[in-house]
């Protein structure tokens, strides 16, 4: 994982049976729940209407003939 001002890069390996949308949904649900649990006072000031945290969309891509090490270095240098 690597973060930037307005986005996060994740390198994830998952079972072929799990869809990308399900993985994204799990990540967003888990991180929203735990972030709100840890920082409720601060987040209430920023997100006063609802417990939102993430945007609805996401971008995902797969990689073909690239080594894990090259992909890891790309993600590390992106942020």
C-alpha atoms as a PDB file:
ATOM      1  CA  UNK A   1       0.000   0.000   0.000  1.00  0.00           C
ATOM      2  CA  UNK A   2       1.168   3.503  -0.785  1.00  0.00           C
ATOM      3  CA  UNK A   3      -0.759   6.735  -0.224  1.00  0.00           C
ATOM      4  CA  UNK A   4      -0.881  10.022  -2.082  1.00  0.00           C
ATOM      5  CA  UNK A   5      -2.842  13.239  -1.447  1.00  0.00           C
ATOM      6  CA  UNK A   6      -6.045  11.974  -3.005  1.00  0.00           C
ATOM      7  CA  UNK A   7      -5.636   8.264  -3.652  1.00  0.00           C
ATOM      8  CA  UNK A   8      -4.177   5.012  -2.380  1.00  0.00           C
ATOM      9  CA  UNK A   9      -2.357   2.284  -4.274  1.00  0.00           C
ATOM     10  CA  UNK A  10      -2.908  -1.295  -3.100  1.00  0.00           C
ATOM     11  CA  UNK A  11      -1.191  -4.369  -4.438  1.00  0.00           C
ATOM     12  CA  UNK A  12      -3.530  -7.242  -3.721  1.00  0.00           C
ATOM     13  CA  UNK A  13      -3.456 -10.916  -4.516  1.00  0.00           C
ATOM     14  CA  UNK A  14      -6.840 -12.574  -4.252  1.00  0.00           C
ATOM     15  CA  UNK A  15      -8.634 -15.781  -5.089  1.00  0.00           C
ATOM     16  CA  UNK A  16      -9.929 -15.818  -8.663  1.00  0.00           C
ATOM     17  CA  UNK A  17     -13.452 -16.404  -7.357  1.00  0.00           C
ATOM     18  CA  UNK A  18     -13.540 -13.031  -5.535  1.00  0.00           C
ATOM     19  CA  UNK A  19     -14.575 -10.093  -7.706  1.00  0.00           C
ATOM     20  CA  UNK A  20     -12.687  -6.809  -7.738  1.00  0.00           C
ATOM     21  CA  UNK A  21     -15.838  -4.951  -6.679  1.00  0.00           C
ATOM     22  CA  UNK A  22     -16.206  -7.232  -3.640  1.00  0.00           C
ATOM     23  CA  UNK A  23     -12.575  -6.648  -2.632  1.00  0.00           C
ATOM     24  CA  UNK A  24     -12.999  -2.871  -2.966  1.00  0.00           C
ATOM     25  CA  UNK A  25     -16.247  -3.011  -0.995  1.00  0.00           C
ATOM     26  CA  UNK A  26     -14.567  -4.962   1.818  1.00  0.00           C
ATOM     27  CA  UNK A  27     -11.611  -2.567   1.978  1.00  0.00           C
ATOM     28  CA  UNK A  28     -13.851   0.513   2.016  1.00  0.00           C
ATOM     29  CA  UNK A  29     -16.231  -0.960   4.613  1.00  0.00           C
ATOM     30  CA  UNK A  30     -13.462  -2.136   6.927  1.00  0.00           C
ATOM     31  CA  UNK A  31     -11.415   1.058   6.756  1.00  0.00           C
ATOM     32  CA  UNK A  32     -14.458   3.320   7.167  1.00  0.00           C
ATOM     33  CA  UNK A  33     -15.653   1.426  10.239  1.00  0.00           C
ATOM     34  CA  UNK A  34     -12.260   1.404  11.946  1.00  0.00           C
ATOM     35  CA  UNK A  35     -11.364   4.982  11.004  1.00  0.00           C
ATOM     36  CA  UNK A  36     -14.663   6.249  12.449  1.00  0.00           C
ATOM     37  CA  UNK A  37     -14.107   4.149  15.559  1.00  0.00           C
ATOM     38  CA  UNK A  38     -10.629   5.622  16.094  1.00  0.00           C
ATOM     39  CA  UNK A  39     -11.288   9.288  15.136  1.00  0.00           C
ATOM     40  CA  UNK A  40     -14.999   9.991  15.739  1.00  0.00           C
ATOM     41  CA  UNK A  41     -14.663  13.558  17.039  1.00  0.00           C
ATOM     42  CA  UNK A  42     -12.502  14.746  14.173  1.00  0.00           C
ATOM     43  CA  UNK A  43     -14.561  13.004  11.497  1.00  0.00           C
ATOM     44  CA  UNK A  44     -17.875  14.348  12.829  1.00  0.00           C
ATOM     45  CA  UNK A  45     -16.581  17.850  12.055  1.00  0.00           C
ATOM     46  CA  UNK A  46     -15.654  16.864   8.490  1.00  0.00           C
ATOM     47  CA  UNK A  47     -18.494  14.469   7.644  1.00  0.00           C
ATOM     48  CA  UNK A  48     -21.378  15.855   9.679  1.00  0.00           C
ATOM     49  CA  UNK A  49     -24.181  14.560   7.460  1.00  0.00           C
ATOM     50  CA  UNK A  50     -23.343  10.849   7.292  1.00  0.00           C
ATOM     51  CA  UNK A  51     -20.572   8.403   8.071  1.00  0.00           C
ATOM     52  CA  UNK A  52     -19.184   8.635   4.566  1.00  0.00           C
ATOM     53  CA  UNK A  53     -15.485   8.386   3.968  1.00  0.00           C
ATOM     54  CA  UNK A  54     -14.807   7.072   0.479  1.00  0.00           C
ATOM     55  CA  UNK A  55     -16.097   8.136  -2.918  1.00  0.00           C
ATOM     56  CA  UNK A  56     -18.399   5.726  -4.731  1.00  0.00           C
ATOM     57  CA  UNK A  57     -15.970   4.936  -7.529  1.00  0.00           C
ATOM     58  CA  UNK A  58     -12.635   3.192  -7.836  1.00  0.00           C
ATOM     59  CA  UNK A  59     -10.044   2.339 -10.461  1.00  0.00           C
ATOM     60  CA  UNK A  60      -8.578  -1.135 -10.677  1.00  0.00           C
ATOM     61  CA  UNK A  61      -6.296  -2.782 -13.172  1.00  0.00           C
ATOM     62  CA  UNK A  62      -4.537  -6.066 -13.533  1.00  0.00           C
ATOM     63  CA  UNK A  63      -0.927  -6.565 -14.488  1.00  0.00           C
ATOM     64  CA  UNK A  64       0.302  -9.079 -16.967  1.00  0.00           C
ATOM     65  CA  UNK A  65       3.919  -9.925 -17.521  1.00  0.00           C
ATOM     66  CA  UNK A  66       5.428  -7.801 -14.719  1.00  0.00           C
ATOM     67  CA  UNK A  67       7.328  -9.126 -11.740  1.00  0.00           C
ATOM     68  CA  UNK A  68       6.009  -8.539  -8.243  1.00  0.00           C
ATOM     69  CA  UNK A  69       9.204  -6.624  -7.422  1.00  0.00           C
ATOM     70  CA  UNK A  70       8.762  -4.198 -10.354  1.00  0.00           C
ATOM     71  CA  UNK A  71       5.145  -3.608  -9.405  1.00  0.00           C
ATOM     72  CA  UNK A  72       6.105  -3.031  -5.770  1.00  0.00           C
ATOM     73  CA  UNK A  73       8.755  -0.469  -6.793  1.00  0.00           C
ATOM     74  CA  UNK A  74       6.266   1.310  -9.077  1.00  0.00           C
ATOM     75  CA  UNK A  75       3.751   1.628  -6.235  1.00  0.00           C
ATOM     76  CA  UNK A  76       6.408   2.812  -3.767  1.00  0.00           C
ATOM     77  CA  UNK A  77       7.593   5.527  -6.172  1.00  0.00           C
ATOM     78  CA  UNK A  78       4.104   6.741  -7.106  1.00  0.00           C
ATOM     79  CA  UNK A  79       3.294   8.482  -3.806  1.00  0.00           C
END
